[in-house]
Amino acid sequence: MTEQRSDRPLLGLIDRMTADSVETSTLDAKTLMLVRIAALVAVHAPPASYLLNLAAANRAGVDADTARAVLVGIAPVVGTPAVTAAAGNIARALGFAIEMLDMEETGT
């Protein structure tokens, strides 16, 4: 479990909730994160939700190709608009992540 940082209490809380979910579920961590990605699409999650969950999914061994495979797999159930919106939100989340890394590197 990741230690909560005092300057980011919400991220710490979400990280702990994710860790508790992985610990409590009978699914292995990778499968659980794949299910969570599918659920994010189903609830039309915003980019920030993808950012947090994709980071956890990556730590659990989910790569970009597997995440894309989830989108392909659920498209017939949730529909093309939901999957297209999710893909856009994932792209925005990745853009946020890159921007945050740049800010950390430059100290701004």
PDB file of N, CA and C in Angstrom:
ATOM      1  N   MET A   1       0.842  -1.167   0.000  1.00  0.00           N
ATOM      2  CA  MET A   1       0.000   0.000   0.000  1.00  0.00           C
ATOM      3  C   MET A   1       0.889   1.232   0.000  1.00  0.00           C
ATOM      4  N   THR A   2       0.480   2.245  -0.737  1.00  0.00           N
ATOM      5  CA  THR A   2       1.245   3.478  -0.852  1.00  0.00           C
ATOM      6  C   THR A   2       0.960   4.375   0.343  1.00  0.00           C
ATOM      7  N   GLU A   3       2.003   4.986   0.875  1.00  0.00           N
ATOM      8  CA  GLU A   3       1.852   5.907   1.991  1.00  0.00           C
ATOM      9  C   GLU A   3       1.181   7.185   1.510  1.00  0.00           C
ATOM     10  N   GLN A   4       0.223   7.665   2.311  1.00  0.00           N
ATOM     11  CA  GLN A   4      -0.489   8.890   1.959  1.00  0.00           C
ATOM     12  C   GLN A   4       0.437  10.086   2.114  1.00  0.00           C
ATOM     13  N   ARG A   5       0.453  10.957   1.119  1.00  0.00           N
ATOM     14  CA  ARG A   5       1.230  12.187   1.178  1.00  0.00           C
ATOM     15  C   ARG A   5       0.327  13.294   1.685  1.00  0.00           C
ATOM     16  N   SER A   6       0.824  14.118   2.601  1.00  0.00           N
ATOM     17  CA  SER A   6      -0.001  15.162   3.202  1.00  0.00           C
ATOM     18  C   SER A   6      -0.443  16.214   2.189  1.00  0.00           C
ATOM     19  N   ASP A   7       0.312  16.382   1.102  1.00  0.00           N
ATOM     20  CA  ASP A   7      -0.074  17.377   0.107  1.00  0.00           C
ATOM     21  C   ASP A   7      -1.055  16.828  -0.916  1.00  0.00           C
ATOM     22  N   ARG A   8      -1.380  15.551  -0.830  1.00  0.00           N
ATOM     23  CA  ARG A   8      -2.330  14.927  -1.761  1.00  0.00           C
ATOM     24  C   ARG A   8      -3.210  13.927  -1.016  1.00  0.00           C
ATOM     25  N   PRO A   9      -4.034  14.396  -0.058  1.00  0.00           N
ATOM     26  CA  PRO A   9      -4.806  13.458   0.763  1.00  0.00           C
ATOM     27  C   PRO A   9      -5.831  12.649  -0.038  1.00  0.00           C
ATOM     28  N   LEU A  10      -6.440  13.248  -1.048  1.00  0.00           N
ATOM     29  CA  LEU A  10      -7.433  12.518  -1.845  1.00  0.00           C
ATOM     30  C   LEU A  10      -6.777  11.371  -2.604  1.00  0.00           C
ATOM     31  N   LEU A  11      -5.621  11.633  -3.204  1.00  0.00           N
ATOM     32  CA  LEU A  11      -4.922  10.567  -3.926  1.00  0.00           C
ATOM     33  C   LEU A  11      -4.528   9.447  -2.980  1.00  0.00           C
ATOM     34  N   GLY A  12      -4.092   9.799  -1.791  1.00  0.00           N
ATOM     35  CA  GLY A  12      -3.742   8.782  -0.797  1.00  0.00           C
ATOM     36  C   GLY A  12      -4.942   7.933  -0.426  1.00  0.00           C
ATOM     37  N   LEU A  13      -6.090   8.584  -0.229  1.00  0.00           N
ATOM     38  CA  LEU A  13      -7.314   7.862   0.108  1.00  0.00           C
ATOM     39  C   LEU A  13      -7.707   6.896  -1.006  1.00  0.00           C
ATOM     40  N   ILE A  14      -7.691   7.386  -2.238  1.00  0.00           N
ATOM     41  CA  ILE A  14      -8.064   6.538  -3.371  1.00  0.00           C
ATOM     42  C   ILE A  14      -7.084   5.387  -3.523  1.00  0.00           C
ATOM     43  N   ASP A  15      -5.805   5.648  -3.315  1.00  0.00           N
ATOM     44  CA  ASP A  15      -4.798   4.594  -3.387  1.00  0.00           C
ATOM     45  C   ASP A  15      -5.053   3.526  -2.325  1.00  0.00           C
ATOM     46  N   ARG A  16      -5.404   3.960  -1.116  1.00  0.00           N
ATOM     47  CA  ARG A  16      -5.701   2.991  -0.041  1.00  0.00           C
ATOM     48  C   ARG A  16      -6.964   2.197  -0.358  1.00  0.00           C
ATOM     49  N   MET A  17      -7.972   2.873  -0.914  1.00  0.00           N
ATOM     50  CA  MET A  17      -9.207   2.173  -1.277  1.00  0.00           C
ATOM     51  C   MET A  17      -8.932   1.114  -2.347  1.00  0.00           C
ATOM     52  N   THR A  18      -8.104   1.459  -3.310  1.00  0.00           N
ATOM     53  CA  THR A  18      -7.742   0.501  -4.358  1.00  0.00           C
ATOM     54  C   THR A  18      -6.992  -0.675  -3.753  1.00  0.00           C
ATOM     55  N   ALA A  19      -6.039  -0.397  -2.895  1.00  0.00           N
ATOM     56  CA  ALA A  19      -5.272  -1.469  -2.258  1.00  0.00           C
ATOM     57  C   ALA A  19      -6.188  -2.364  -1.422  1.00  0.00           C
ATOM     58  N   ASP A  20      -7.126  -1.766  -0.690  1.00  0.00           N
ATOM     59  CA  ASP A  20      -8.073  -2.557   0.100  1.00  0.00           C
ATOM     60  C   ASP A  20      -8.941  -3.426  -0.800  1.00  0.00           C
ATOM     61  N   SER A  21      -9.351  -2.880  -1.944  1.00  0.00           N
ATOM     62  CA  SER A  21     -10.167  -3.635  -2.887  1.00  0.00           C
ATOM     63  C   SER A  21      -9.408  -4.837  -3.424  1.00  0.00           C
ATOM     64  N   VAL A  22      -8.144  -4.630  -3.776  1.00  0.00           N
ATOM     65  CA  VAL A  22      -7.310  -5.732  -4.280  1.00  0.00           C
ATOM     66  C   VAL A  22      -7.143  -6.790  -3.198  1.00  0.00           C
ATOM     67  N   GLU A  23      -6.909  -6.349  -1.981  1.00  0.00           N
ATOM     68  CA  GLU A  23      -6.692  -7.278  -0.864  1.00  0.00           C
ATOM     69  C   GLU A  23      -7.953  -8.073  -0.523  1.00  0.00           C
ATOM     70  N   THR A  24      -9.116  -7.431  -0.626  1.00  0.00           N
ATOM     71  CA  THR A  24     -10.375  -8.047  -0.236  1.00  0.00           C
ATOM     72  C   THR A  24     -10.967  -8.945  -1.318  1.00  0.00           C
ATOM     73  N   SER A  25     -10.769  -8.587  -2.564  1.00  0.00           N
ATOM     74  CA  SER A  25     -11.357  -9.345  -3.675  1.00  0.00           C
ATOM     75  C   SER A  25     -10.724 -10.727  -3.796  1.00  0.00           C
ATOM     76  N   THR A  26     -11.514 -11.657  -4.281  1.00  0.00           N
ATOM     77  CA  THR A  26     -10.974 -12.989  -4.560  1.00  0.00           C
ATOM     78  C   THR A  26     -10.356 -13.051  -5.955  1.00  0.00           C
ATOM     79  N   LEU A  27     -10.509 -11.976  -6.728  1.00  0.00           N
ATOM     80  CA  LEU A  27      -9.861 -11.904  -8.038  1.00  0.00           C
ATOM     81  C   LEU A  27      -8.390 -11.543  -7.843  1.00  0.00           C
ATOM     82  N   ASP A  28      -7.542 -11.991  -8.758  1.00  0.00           N
ATOM     83  CA  ASP A  28      -6.154 -11.539  -8.706  1.00  0.00           C
ATOM     84  C   ASP A  28      -6.125 -10.063  -9.101  1.00  0.00           C
ATOM     85  N   ALA A  29      -5.053  -9.369  -8.732  1.00  0.00           N
ATOM     86  CA  ALA A  29      -4.971  -7.922  -8.918  1.00  0.00           C
ATOM     87  C   ALA A  29      -5.153  -7.513 -10.374  1.00  0.00           C
ATOM     88  N   LYS A  30      -4.552  -8.247 -11.301  1.00  0.00           N
ATOM     89  CA  LYS A  30      -4.653  -7.884 -12.717  1.00  0.00           C
ATOM     90  C   LYS A  30      -6.094  -7.995 -13.209  1.00  0.00           C
ATOM     91  N   THR A  31      -6.759  -9.091 -12.882  1.00  0.00           N
ATOM     92  CA  THR A  31      -8.149  -9.279 -13.299  1.00  0.00           C
ATOM     93  C   THR A  31      -9.045  -8.218 -12.683  1.00  0.00           C
ATOM     94  N   LEU A  32      -8.832  -7.923 -11.411  1.00  0.00           N
ATOM     95  CA  LEU A  32      -9.627  -6.900 -10.742  1.00  0.00           C
ATOM     96  C   LEU A  32      -9.481  -5.553 -11.439  1.00  0.00           C
ATOM     97  N   MET A  33      -8.274  -5.196 -11.826  1.00  0.00           N
ATOM     98  CA  MET A  33      -8.071  -3.913 -12.489  1.00  0.00           C
ATOM     99  C   MET A  33      -8.700  -3.896 -13.882  1.00  0.00           C
ATOM    100  N   LEU A  34      -8.707  -5.026 -14.571  1.00  0.00           N
ATOM    101  CA  LEU A  34      -9.387  -5.099 -15.873  1.00  0.00           C
ATOM    102  C   LEU A  34     -10.892  -4.897 -15.706  1.00  0.00           C
ATOM    103  N   VAL A  35     -11.445  -5.484 -14.661  1.00  0.00           N
ATOM    104  CA  VAL A  35     -12.871  -5.306 -14.368  1.00  0.00           C
ATOM    105  C   VAL A  35     -13.153  -3.847 -14.041  1.00  0.00           C
ATOM    106  N   ARG A  36     -12.254  -3.223 -13.298  1.00  0.00           N
ATOM    107  CA  ARG A  36     -12.447  -1.816 -12.937  1.00  0.00           C
ATOM    108  C   ARG A  36     -12.388  -0.916 -14.173  1.00  0.00           C
ATOM    109  N   ILE A  37     -11.506  -1.214 -15.105  1.00  0.00           N
ATOM    110  CA  ILE A  37     -11.458  -0.434 -16.348  1.00  0.00           C
ATOM    111  C   ILE A  37     -12.793  -0.540 -17.080  1.00  0.00           C
ATOM    112  N   ALA A  38     -13.328  -1.754 -17.160  1.00  0.00           N
ATOM    113  CA  ALA A  38     -14.628  -1.944 -17.809  1.00  0.00           C
ATOM    114  C   ALA A  38     -15.718  -1.171 -17.074  1.00  0.00           C
ATOM    115  N   ALA A  39     -15.671  -1.179 -15.754  1.00  0.00           N
ATOM    116  CA  ALA A  39     -16.674  -0.456 -14.970  1.00  0.00           C
ATOM    117  C   ALA A  39     -16.554   1.050 -15.191  1.00  0.00           C
ATOM    118  N   LEU A  40     -15.337   1.555 -15.324  1.00  0.00           N
ATOM    119  CA  LEU A  40     -15.151   2.986 -15.588  1.00  0.00           C
ATOM    120  C   LEU A  40     -15.835   3.389 -16.890  1.00  0.00           C
ATOM    121  N   VAL A  41     -15.709   2.545 -17.902  1.00  0.00           N
ATOM    122  CA  VAL A  41     -16.366   2.829 -19.183  1.00  0.00           C
ATOM    123  C   VAL A  41     -17.882   2.834 -18.987  1.00  0.00           C
ATOM    124  N   ALA A  42     -18.379   1.850 -18.260  1.00  0.00           N
ATOM    125  CA  ALA A  42     -19.826   1.708 -18.073  1.00  0.00           C
ATOM    126  C   ALA A  42     -20.441   2.890 -17.330  1.00  0.00           C
ATOM    127  N   VAL A  43     -19.672   3.512 -16.424  1.00  0.00           N
ATOM    128  CA  VAL A  43     -20.219   4.642 -15.664  1.00  0.00           C
ATOM    129  C   VAL A  43     -19.811   5.991 -16.249  1.00  0.00           C
ATOM    130  N   HIS A  44     -19.186   5.964 -17.437  1.00  0.00           N
ATOM    131  CA  HIS A  44     -18.762   7.194 -18.121  1.00  0.00           C
ATOM    132  C   HIS A  44     -17.839   8.034 -17.231  1.00  0.00           C
ATOM    133  N   ALA A  45     -16.811   7.384 -16.718  1.00  0.00           N
ATOM    134  CA  ALA A  45     -15.880   8.022 -15.784  1.00  0.00           C
ATOM    135  C   ALA A  45     -15.104   9.161 -16.438  1.00  0.00           C
ATOM    136  N   PRO A  46     -14.751  10.162 -15.647  1.00  0.00           N
ATOM    137  CA  PRO A  46     -13.946  11.275 -16.159  1.00  0.00           C
ATOM    138  C   PRO A  46     -12.472  10.876 -16.264  1.00  0.00           C
ATOM    139  N   PRO A  47     -11.677  11.691 -16.966  1.00  0.00           N
ATOM    140  CA  PRO A  47     -10.256  11.372 -17.147  1.00  0.00           C
ATOM    141  C   PRO A  47      -9.502  11.102 -15.841  1.00  0.00           C
ATOM    142  N   ALA A  48      -9.800  11.860 -14.794  1.00  0.00           N
ATOM    143  CA  ALA A  48      -9.076  11.671 -13.530  1.00  0.00           C
ATOM    144  C   ALA A  48      -9.259  10.264 -12.982  1.00  0.00           C
ATOM    145  N   SER A  49     -10.432   9.690 -13.151  1.00  0.00           N
ATOM    146  CA  SER A  49     -10.665   8.324 -12.686  1.00  0.00           C
ATOM    147  C   SER A  49      -9.814   7.323 -13.460  1.00  0.00           C
ATOM    148  N   TYR A  50      -9.699   7.548 -14.764  1.00  0.00           N
ATOM    149  CA  TYR A  50      -8.843   6.681 -15.573  1.00  0.00           C
ATOM    150  C   TYR A  50      -7.386   6.837 -15.153  1.00  0.00           C
ATOM    151  N   LEU A  51      -6.979   8.066 -14.891  1.00  0.00           N
ATOM    152  CA  LEU A  51      -5.597   8.320 -14.498  1.00  0.00           C
ATOM    153  C   LEU A  51      -5.239   7.511 -13.262  1.00  0.00           C
ATOM    154  N   LEU A  52      -6.069   7.568 -12.258  1.00  0.00           N
ATOM    155  CA  LEU A  52      -5.795   6.856 -11.016  1.00  0.00           C
ATOM    156  C   LEU A  52      -5.855   5.342 -11.200  1.00  0.00           C
ATOM    157  N   ASN A  53      -6.860   4.866 -11.918  1.00  0.00           N
ATOM    158  CA  ASN A  53      -7.023   3.428 -12.073  1.00  0.00           C
ATOM    159  C   ASN A  53      -6.030   2.824 -13.048  1.00  0.00           C
ATOM    160  N   LEU A  54      -5.651   3.557 -14.087  1.00  0.00           N
ATOM    161  CA  LEU A  54      -4.658   3.016 -15.017  1.00  0.00           C
ATOM    162  C   LEU A  54      -3.290   2.917 -14.358  1.00  0.00           C
ATOM    163  N   ALA A  55      -2.991   3.832 -13.449  1.00  0.00           N
ATOM    164  CA  ALA A  55      -1.726   3.731 -12.709  1.00  0.00           C
ATOM    165  C   ALA A  55      -1.725   2.468 -11.860  1.00  0.00           C
ATOM    166  N   ALA A  56      -2.825   2.212 -11.163  1.00  0.00           N
ATOM    167  CA  ALA A  56      -2.929   0.998 -10.357  1.00  0.00           C
ATOM    168  C   ALA A  56      -2.921  -0.247 -11.246  1.00  0.00           C
ATOM    169  N   ALA A  57      -3.594  -0.162 -12.394  1.00  0.00           N
ATOM    170  CA  ALA A  57      -3.628  -1.297 -13.321  1.00  0.00           C
ATOM    171  C   ALA A  57      -2.229  -1.610 -13.837  1.00  0.00           C
ATOM    172  N   ASN A  58      -1.481  -0.566 -14.137  1.00  0.00           N
ATOM    173  CA  ASN A  58      -0.108  -0.764 -14.612  1.00  0.00           C
ATOM    174  C   ASN A  58       0.732  -1.468 -13.556  1.00  0.00           C
ATOM    175  N   ARG A  59       0.566  -1.059 -12.303  1.00  0.00           N
ATOM    176  CA  ARG A  59       1.299  -1.719 -11.204  1.00  0.00           C
ATOM    177  C   ARG A  59       0.893  -3.184 -11.070  1.00  0.00           C
ATOM    178  N   ALA A  60      -0.341  -3.499 -11.475  1.00  0.00           N
ATOM    179  CA  ALA A  60      -0.829  -4.880 -11.394  1.00  0.00           C
ATOM    180  C   ALA A  60      -0.460  -5.696 -12.629  1.00  0.00           C
ATOM    181  N   GLY A  61       0.218  -5.068 -13.602  1.00  0.00           N
ATOM    182  CA  GLY A  61       0.665  -5.795 -14.782  1.00  0.00           C
ATOM    183  C   GLY A  61      -0.198  -5.635 -16.013  1.00  0.00           C
ATOM    184  N   VAL A  62      -1.120  -4.677 -15.998  1.00  0.00           N
ATOM    185  CA  VAL A  62      -1.977  -4.430 -17.165  1.00  0.00           C
ATOM    186  C   VAL A  62      -1.247  -3.461 -18.092  1.00  0.00           C
ATOM    187  N   ASP A  63      -0.992  -3.905 -19.317  1.00  0.00           N
ATOM    188  CA  ASP A  63      -0.332  -3.028 -20.288  1.00  0.00           C
ATOM    189  C   ASP A  63      -1.378  -2.365 -21.193  1.00  0.00           C
ATOM    190  N   ALA A  64      -0.927  -1.453 -22.037  1.00  0.00           N
ATOM    191  CA  ALA A  64      -1.837  -0.695 -22.901  1.00  0.00           C
ATOM    192  C   ALA A  64      -2.616  -1.609 -23.846  1.00  0.00           C
ATOM    193  N   ASP A  65      -1.972  -2.636 -24.380  1.00  0.00           N
ATOM    194  CA  ASP A  65      -2.668  -3.542 -25.300  1.00  0.00           C
ATOM    195  C   ASP A  65      -3.810  -4.280 -24.593  1.00  0.00           C
ATOM    196  N   THR A  66      -3.583  -4.671 -23.360  1.00  0.00           N
ATOM    197  CA  THR A  66      -4.632  -5.371 -22.609  1.00  0.00           C
ATOM    198  C   THR A  66      -5.777  -4.422 -22.272  1.00  0.00           C
ATOM    199  N   ALA A  67      -5.460  -3.184 -21.914  1.00  0.00           N
ATOM    200  CA  ALA A  67      -6.506  -2.192 -21.643  1.00  0.00           C
ATOM    201  C   ALA A  67      -7.340  -1.950 -22.904  1.00  0.00           C
ATOM    202  N   ARG A  68      -6.672  -1.865 -24.056  1.00  0.00           N
ATOM    203  CA  ARG A  68      -7.403  -1.705 -25.329  1.00  0.00           C
ATOM    204  C   ARG A  68      -8.281  -2.922 -25.599  1.00  0.00           C
ATOM    205  N   ALA A  69      -7.789  -4.092 -25.272  1.00  0.00           N
ATOM    206  CA  ALA A  69      -8.573  -5.310 -25.487  1.00  0.00           C
ATOM    207  C   ALA A  69      -9.848  -5.302 -24.647  1.00  0.00           C
ATOM    208  N   VAL A  70      -9.781  -4.708 -23.464  1.00  0.00           N
ATOM    209  CA  VAL A  70     -10.977  -4.574 -22.635  1.00  0.00           C
ATOM    210  C   VAL A  70     -11.999  -3.692 -23.353  1.00  0.00           C
ATOM    211  N   LEU A  71     -11.546  -2.577 -23.918  1.00  0.00           N
ATOM    212  CA  LEU A  71     -12.463  -1.692 -24.633  1.00  0.00           C
ATOM    213  C   LEU A  71     -13.119  -2.408 -25.805  1.00  0.00           C
ATOM    214  N   VAL A  72     -12.340  -3.173 -26.537  1.00  0.00           N
ATOM    215  CA  VAL A  72     -12.881  -3.941 -27.664  1.00  0.00           C
ATOM    216  C   VAL A  72     -13.884  -4.976 -27.163  1.00  0.00           C
ATOM    217  N   GLY A  73     -13.553  -5.628 -26.066  1.00  0.00           N
ATOM    218  CA  GLY A  73     -14.411  -6.683 -25.532  1.00  0.00           C
ATOM    219  C   GLY A  73     -15.747  -6.193 -25.016  1.00  0.00           C
ATOM    220  N   ILE A  74     -15.768  -4.999 -24.449  1.00  0.00           N
ATOM    221  CA  ILE A  74     -17.025  -4.511 -23.874  1.00  0.00           C
ATOM    222  C   ILE A  74     -17.833  -3.638 -24.833  1.00  0.00           C
ATOM    223  N   ALA A  75     -17.266  -3.277 -25.967  1.00  0.00           N
ATOM    224  CA  ALA A  75     -17.959  -2.399 -26.923  1.00  0.00           C
ATOM    225  C   ALA A  75     -19.354  -2.896 -27.295  1.00  0.00           C
ATOM    226  N   PRO A  76     -19.537  -4.193 -27.568  1.00  0.00           N
ATOM    227  CA  PRO A  76     -20.887  -4.638 -27.920  1.00  0.00           C
ATOM    228  C   PRO A  76     -21.895  -4.494 -26.785  1.00  0.00           C
ATOM    229  N   VAL A  77     -21.425  -4.439 -25.559  1.00  0.00           N
ATOM    230  CA  VAL A  77     -22.324  -4.337 -24.413  1.00  0.00           C
ATOM    231  C   VAL A  77     -22.621  -2.876 -24.061  1.00  0.00           C
ATOM    232  N   VAL A  78     -21.583  -2.043 -23.969  1.00  0.00           N
ATOM    233  CA  VAL A  78     -21.775  -0.655 -23.542  1.00  0.00           C
ATOM    234  C   VAL A  78     -22.011   0.298 -24.705  1.00  0.00           C
ATOM    235  N   GLY A  79     -21.647  -0.116 -25.905  1.00  0.00           N
ATOM    236  CA  GLY A  79     -21.886   0.693 -27.086  1.00  0.00           C
ATOM    237  C   GLY A  79     -20.678   1.500 -27.537  1.00  0.00           C
ATOM    238  N   THR A  80     -20.703   1.804 -28.825  1.00  0.00           N
ATOM    239  CA  THR A  80     -19.615   2.563 -29.441  1.00  0.00           C
ATOM    240  C   THR A  80     -19.427   3.941 -28.813  1.00  0.00           C
ATOM    241  N   PRO A  81     -20.496   4.694 -28.530  1.00  0.00           N
ATOM    242  CA  PRO A  81     -20.275   6.012 -27.929  1.00  0.00           C
ATOM    243  C   PRO A  81     -19.555   5.949 -26.584  1.00  0.00           C
ATOM    244  N   ALA A  82     -19.897   4.979 -25.766  1.00  0.00           N
ATOM    245  CA  ALA A  82     -19.250   4.856 -24.451  1.00  0.00           C
ATOM    246  C   ALA A  82     -17.778   4.499 -24.598  1.00  0.00           C
ATOM    247  N   VAL A  83     -17.470   3.601 -25.519  1.00  0.00           N
ATOM    248  CA  VAL A  83     -16.072   3.201 -25.717  1.00  0.00           C
ATOM    249  C   VAL A  83     -15.268   4.336 -26.342  1.00  0.00           C
ATOM    250  N   THR A  84     -15.874   5.054 -27.270  1.00  0.00           N
ATOM    251  CA  THR A  84     -15.184   6.189 -27.891  1.00  0.00           C
ATOM    252  C   THR A  84     -14.919   7.281 -26.864  1.00  0.00           C
ATOM    253  N   ALA A  85     -15.903   7.571 -26.032  1.00  0.00           N
ATOM    254  CA  ALA A  85     -15.717   8.564 -24.971  1.00  0.00           C
ATOM    255  C   ALA A  85     -14.641   8.109 -23.996  1.00  0.00           C
ATOM    256  N   ALA A  86     -14.636   6.826 -23.663  1.00  0.00           N
ATOM    257  CA  ALA A  86     -13.620   6.295 -22.756  1.00  0.00           C
ATOM    258  C   ALA A  86     -12.229   6.439 -23.350  1.00  0.00           C
ATOM    259  N   ALA A  87     -12.094   6.133 -24.618  1.00  0.00           N
ATOM    260  CA  ALA A  87     -10.789   6.262 -25.270  1.00  0.00           C
ATOM    261  C   ALA A  87     -10.298   7.715 -25.215  1.00  0.00           C
ATOM    262  N   GLY A  88     -11.198   8.655 -25.437  1.00  0.00           N
ATOM    263  CA  GLY A  88     -10.835  10.063 -25.334  1.00  0.00           C
ATOM    264  C   GLY A  88     -10.448  10.446 -23.915  1.00  0.00           C
ATOM    265  N   ASN A  89     -11.193   9.942 -22.929  1.00  0.00           N
ATOM    266  CA  ASN A  89     -10.877  10.243 -21.532  1.00  0.00           C
ATOM    267  C   ASN A  89      -9.551   9.608 -21.105  1.00  0.00           C
ATOM    268  N   ILE A  90      -9.261   8.427 -21.628  1.00  0.00           N
ATOM    269  CA  ILE A  90      -7.979   7.788 -21.347  1.00  0.00           C
ATOM    270  C   ILE A  90      -6.847   8.619 -21.941  1.00  0.00           C
ATOM    271  N   ALA A  91      -7.036   9.098 -23.161  1.00  0.00           N
ATOM    272  CA  ALA A  91      -6.003   9.939 -23.795  1.00  0.00           C
ATOM    273  C   ALA A  91      -5.783  11.214 -22.985  1.00  0.00           C
ATOM    274  N   ARG A  92      -6.873  11.834 -22.517  1.00  0.00           N
ATOM    275  CA  ARG A  92      -6.735  13.029 -21.690  1.00  0.00           C
ATOM    276  C   ARG A  92      -6.025  12.694 -20.377  1.00  0.00           C
ATOM    277  N   ALA A  93      -6.352  11.552 -19.787  1.00  0.00           N
ATOM    278  CA  ALA A  93      -5.700  11.138 -18.540  1.00  0.00           C
ATOM    279  C   ALA A  93      -4.200  10.964 -18.752  1.00  0.00           C
ATOM    280  N   LEU A  94      -3.829  10.353 -19.866  1.00  0.00           N
ATOM    281  CA  LEU A  94      -2.402  10.179 -20.150  1.00  0.00           C
ATOM    282  C   LEU A  94      -1.725  11.528 -20.377  1.00  0.00           C
ATOM    283  N   GLY A  95      -2.436  12.452 -21.006  1.00  0.00           N
ATOM    284  CA  GLY A  95      -1.907  13.805 -21.174  1.00  0.00           C
ATOM    285  C   GLY A  95      -1.693  14.485 -19.827  1.00  0.00           C
ATOM    286  N   PHE A  96      -2.650  14.297 -18.897  1.00  0.00           N
ATOM    287  CA  PHE A  96      -2.494  14.849 -17.551  1.00  0.00           C
ATOM    288  C   PHE A  96      -1.264  14.255 -16.880  1.00  0.00           C
ATOM    289  N   ALA A  97      -1.084  12.939 -17.027  1.00  0.00           N
ATOM    290  CA  ALA A  97       0.052  12.269 -16.391  1.00  0.00           C
ATOM    291  C   ALA A  97       1.372  12.820 -16.920  1.00  0.00           C
ATOM    292  N   ILE A  98       1.444  13.014 -18.207  1.00  0.00           N
ATOM    293  CA  ILE A  98       2.669  13.562 -18.807  1.00  0.00           C
ATOM    294  C   ILE A  98       2.902  14.979 -18.313  1.00  0.00           C
ATOM    295  N   GLU A  99       1.836  15.757 -18.242  1.00  0.00           N
ATOM    296  CA  GLU A  99       1.952  17.134 -17.759  1.00  0.00           C
ATOM    297  C   GLU A  99       2.412  17.170 -16.303  1.00  0.00           C
ATOM    298  N   MET A 100       1.880  16.272 -15.477  1.00  0.00           N
ATOM    299  CA  MET A 100       2.276  16.209 -14.069  1.00  0.00           C
ATOM    300  C   MET A 100       3.744  15.818 -13.936  1.00  0.00           C
ATOM    301  N   LEU A 101       4.188  14.875 -14.744  1.00  0.00           N
ATOM    302  CA  LEU A 101       5.596  14.480 -14.714  1.00  0.00           C
ATOM    303  C   LEU A 101       6.498  15.629 -15.116  1.00  0.00           C
ATOM    304  N   ASP A 102       6.094  16.356 -16.154  1.00  0.00           N
ATOM    305  CA  ASP A 102       6.867  17.524 -16.588  1.00  0.00           C
ATOM    306  C   ASP A 102       6.962  18.559 -15.474  1.00  0.00           C
ATOM    307  N   MET A 103       5.844  18.776 -14.778  1.00  0.00           N
ATOM    308  CA  MET A 103       5.831  19.746 -13.693  1.00  0.00           C
ATOM    309  C   MET A 103       6.743  19.311 -12.549  1.00  0.00           C
ATOM    310  N   GLU A 104       6.737  18.017 -12.236  1.00  0.00           N
ATOM    311  CA  GLU A 104       7.609  17.511 -11.174  1.00  0.00           C
ATOM    312  C   GLU A 104       9.074  17.650 -11.558  1.00  0.00           C
ATOM    313  N   GLU A 105       9.393  17.379 -12.824  1.00  0.00           N
ATOM    314  CA  GLU A 105      10.770  17.466 -13.286  1.00  0.00           C
ATOM    315  C   GLU A 105      11.283  18.899 -13.301  1.00  0.00           C
ATOM    316  N   THR A 106      10.412  19.849 -13.644  1.00  0.00           N
ATOM    317  CA  THR A 106      10.844  21.236 -13.745  1.00  0.00           C
ATOM    318  C   THR A 106      10.632  22.003 -12.435  1.00  0.00           C
ATOM    319  N   GLY A 107       9.894  21.380 -11.495  1.00  0.00           N
ATOM    320  CA  GLY A 107       9.649  22.023 -10.220  1.00  0.00           C
ATOM    321  C   GLY A 107       8.621  23.134 -10.269  1.00  0.00           C
ATOM    322  N   THR A 108       7.758  23.098 -11.294  1.00  0.00           N
ATOM    323  CA  THR A 108       6.714  24.128 -11.400  1.00  0.00           C
ATOM    324  C   THR A 108       5.384  23.616 -10.963  1.00  0.00           C
TER     325      THR A 108
END
